[in-house]
Amino acid sequence: MIRFILLAAFVVAVVVTLVVAAGTITAVAQAATAEDNRTMPVKFRRITYLLLLILMLGVTSGLLGVS
């Protein structure tokens, strides 16, 4: 009986994984065909990009993060 329950749980996990993957694929495909909506100013995008790079450098070097 426990084997049947484990098999059913495995089948449910596989089905859920496939449904989530299919949803992700369709969302990415729709985003790729959508127009590029540039509501954020160019200067603000550059500043946030630079801040992201600085944050990534700080975390990977160990200066930021867990002490």
N, C-alpha and C. Protein backbone atom coordinates (compact mmCIF):
# COMPACT_ATOMS: atom_id res chain seq x y z
N MET A 1 0.82 -1.19 0.00
CA MET A 1 0.00 0.00 0.00
C MET A 1 0.87 1.26 0.00
N ILE A 2 1.96 1.24 0.75
CA ILE A 2 2.84 2.41 0.83
C ILE A 2 3.50 2.67 -0.52
N ARG A 3 3.77 1.60 -1.29
CA ARG A 3 4.37 1.78 -2.61
C ARG A 3 3.41 2.53 -3.52
N PHE A 4 2.13 2.22 -3.43
CA PHE A 4 1.13 2.90 -4.24
C PHE A 4 1.07 4.38 -3.88
N ILE A 5 1.13 4.70 -2.60
CA ILE A 5 1.10 6.09 -2.15
C ILE A 5 2.34 6.83 -2.65
N LEU A 6 3.49 6.20 -2.54
CA LEU A 6 4.72 6.83 -3.03
C LEU A 6 4.69 7.02 -4.54
N LEU A 7 4.19 6.03 -5.27
CA LEU A 7 4.07 6.16 -6.71
C LEU A 7 3.11 7.28 -7.09
N ALA A 8 1.98 7.37 -6.39
CA ALA A 8 1.02 8.44 -6.66
C ALA A 8 1.63 9.81 -6.36
N ALA A 9 2.38 9.92 -5.27
CA ALA A 9 3.04 11.19 -4.93
C ALA A 9 4.07 11.56 -5.99
N PHE A 10 4.80 10.58 -6.50
CA PHE A 10 5.79 10.83 -7.54
C PHE A 10 5.12 11.30 -8.82
N VAL A 11 4.02 10.65 -9.20
CA VAL A 11 3.30 11.03 -10.42
C VAL A 11 2.76 12.46 -10.28
N VAL A 12 2.22 12.79 -9.12
CA VAL A 12 1.72 14.15 -8.89
C VAL A 12 2.85 15.16 -8.98
N ALA A 13 4.00 14.85 -8.41
CA ALA A 13 5.15 15.76 -8.47
C ALA A 13 5.60 15.97 -9.91
N VAL A 14 5.62 14.91 -10.71
CA VAL A 14 6.03 15.03 -12.11
C VAL A 14 5.02 15.88 -12.88
N VAL A 15 3.74 15.67 -12.65
CA VAL A 15 2.71 16.43 -13.35
C VAL A 15 2.78 17.91 -12.98
N VAL A 16 2.96 18.19 -11.70
CA VAL A 16 3.07 19.58 -11.26
C VAL A 16 4.30 20.24 -11.88
N THR A 17 5.40 19.53 -11.94
CA THR A 17 6.62 20.06 -12.55
C THR A 17 6.40 20.36 -14.03
N LEU A 18 5.73 19.48 -14.74
CA LEU A 18 5.47 19.71 -16.16
C LEU A 18 4.54 20.89 -16.37
N VAL A 19 3.53 21.04 -15.53
CA VAL A 19 2.60 22.16 -15.66
C VAL A 19 3.32 23.48 -15.40
N VAL A 20 4.15 23.52 -14.39
CA VAL A 20 4.90 24.74 -14.09
C VAL A 20 5.88 25.05 -15.21
N ALA A 21 6.55 24.05 -15.74
CA ALA A 21 7.48 24.26 -16.84
C ALA A 21 6.75 24.78 -18.08
N ALA A 22 5.59 24.22 -18.37
CA ALA A 22 4.82 24.68 -19.52
C ALA A 22 4.37 26.13 -19.33
N GLY A 23 3.96 26.48 -18.13
CA GLY A 23 3.57 27.87 -17.85
C GLY A 23 4.73 28.82 -17.99
N THR A 24 5.89 28.40 -17.54
CA THR A 24 7.08 29.24 -17.66
C THR A 24 7.47 29.42 -19.12
N ILE A 25 7.39 28.35 -19.89
CA ILE A 25 7.75 28.44 -21.31
C ILE A 25 6.82 29.39 -22.04
N THR A 26 5.52 29.30 -21.77
CA THR A 26 4.58 30.19 -22.44
C THR A 26 4.77 31.64 -22.01
N ALA A 27 5.08 31.86 -20.74
CA ALA A 27 5.30 33.22 -20.27
C ALA A 27 6.54 33.83 -20.91
N VAL A 28 7.59 33.05 -21.04
CA VAL A 28 8.82 33.54 -21.66
C VAL A 28 8.58 33.80 -23.15
N ALA A 29 7.83 32.93 -23.79
CA ALA A 29 7.55 33.12 -25.22
C ALA A 29 6.72 34.38 -25.45
N GLN A 30 5.75 34.64 -24.57
CA GLN A 30 4.95 35.85 -24.70
C GLN A 30 5.78 37.09 -24.43
N ALA A 31 6.68 37.01 -23.47
CA ALA A 31 7.53 38.16 -23.15
C ALA A 31 8.50 38.44 -24.29
N ALA A 32 8.94 37.41 -24.99
CA ALA A 32 9.88 37.60 -26.08
C ALA A 32 9.23 38.27 -27.28
N THR A 33 7.95 38.04 -27.47
CA THR A 33 7.26 38.63 -28.62
C THR A 33 6.63 39.97 -28.29
N ALA A 34 6.57 40.34 -27.01
CA ALA A 34 5.94 41.59 -26.61
C ALA A 34 6.84 42.78 -26.95
N GLU A 35 6.23 43.93 -27.04
CA GLU A 35 6.99 45.14 -27.30
C GLU A 35 7.82 45.51 -26.07
N ASP A 36 8.93 46.19 -26.33
CA ASP A 36 9.79 46.63 -25.23
C ASP A 36 9.22 47.92 -24.67
N ASN A 37 8.65 47.83 -23.49
CA ASN A 37 8.04 48.98 -22.86
C ASN A 37 9.09 49.70 -22.02
N ARG A 38 9.55 50.83 -22.48
CA ARG A 38 10.62 51.55 -21.80
C ARG A 38 10.03 52.69 -20.97
N THR A 39 9.41 52.33 -19.87
CA THR A 39 8.85 53.35 -19.01
C THR A 39 9.87 53.90 -18.03
N MET A 40 10.97 53.18 -17.84
CA MET A 40 12.01 53.63 -16.92
C MET A 40 13.00 54.51 -17.67
N PRO A 41 13.35 55.66 -17.12
CA PRO A 41 14.32 56.53 -17.81
C PRO A 41 15.68 55.85 -17.97
N VAL A 42 16.40 56.24 -19.00
CA VAL A 42 17.68 55.61 -19.33
C VAL A 42 18.70 55.82 -18.20
N LYS A 43 18.77 57.04 -17.65
CA LYS A 43 19.73 57.31 -16.57
C LYS A 43 19.44 56.44 -15.35
N PHE A 44 18.17 56.28 -15.02
CA PHE A 44 17.80 55.46 -13.86
C PHE A 44 18.16 53.99 -14.11
N ARG A 45 17.97 53.51 -15.33
CA ARG A 45 18.35 52.13 -15.64
C ARG A 45 19.86 51.94 -15.52
N ARG A 46 20.63 52.90 -15.99
CA ARG A 46 22.09 52.79 -15.89
C ARG A 46 22.55 52.79 -14.44
N ILE A 47 21.98 53.66 -13.63
CA ILE A 47 22.36 53.74 -12.22
C ILE A 47 22.02 52.44 -11.51
N THR A 48 20.82 51.91 -11.74
CA THR A 48 20.44 50.66 -11.07
C THR A 48 21.29 49.50 -11.56
N TYR A 49 21.67 49.50 -12.83
CA TYR A 49 22.54 48.45 -13.34
C TYR A 49 23.91 48.52 -12.68
N LEU A 50 24.45 49.71 -12.55
CA LEU A 50 25.76 49.85 -11.89
C LEU A 50 25.68 49.45 -10.41
N LEU A 51 24.59 49.83 -9.74
CA LEU A 51 24.44 49.42 -8.35
C LEU A 51 24.32 47.90 -8.22
N LEU A 52 23.65 47.27 -9.16
CA LEU A 52 23.56 45.81 -9.16
C LEU A 52 24.94 45.18 -9.33
N LEU A 53 25.73 45.71 -10.24
CA LEU A 53 27.08 45.18 -10.43
C LEU A 53 27.94 45.37 -9.19
N ILE A 54 27.83 46.52 -8.55
CA ILE A 54 28.59 46.76 -7.32
C ILE A 54 28.14 45.80 -6.21
N LEU A 55 26.84 45.58 -6.11
CA LEU A 55 26.32 44.64 -5.11
C LEU A 55 26.83 43.24 -5.38
N MET A 56 26.81 42.81 -6.63
CA MET A 56 27.29 41.47 -6.98
C MET A 56 28.77 41.34 -6.68
N LEU A 57 29.55 42.37 -6.98
CA LEU A 57 30.99 42.34 -6.70
C LEU A 57 31.22 42.27 -5.19
N GLY A 58 30.46 43.03 -4.42
CA GLY A 58 30.62 43.01 -2.97
C GLY A 58 30.26 41.68 -2.35
N VAL A 59 29.23 41.04 -2.86
CA VAL A 59 28.82 39.75 -2.31
C VAL A 59 29.82 38.67 -2.69
N THR A 60 30.27 38.65 -3.94
CA THR A 60 31.21 37.61 -4.36
C THR A 60 32.58 37.78 -3.73
N SER A 61 32.97 39.02 -3.45
CA SER A 61 34.27 39.22 -2.82
C SER A 61 34.24 38.98 -1.32
N GLY A 62 33.05 38.97 -0.75
CA GLY A 62 32.93 38.72 0.67
C GLY A 62 32.84 39.99 1.50
N LEU A 63 32.88 41.16 0.85
CA LEU A 63 32.78 42.41 1.59
C LEU A 63 31.36 42.65 2.10
N LEU A 64 30.39 42.15 1.36
CA LEU A 64 28.99 42.25 1.77
C LEU A 64 28.45 40.85 2.01
N GLY A 65 27.44 40.75 2.83
CA GLY A 65 26.83 39.45 3.05
C GLY A 65 27.05 38.98 4.46
N VAL A 66 27.14 37.67 4.60
CA VAL A 66 27.30 37.06 5.92
C VAL A 66 28.66 37.39 6.48
N SER A 67 28.69 37.82 7.73
CA SER A 67 29.98 38.19 8.34
C SER A 67 30.57 37.09 9.16
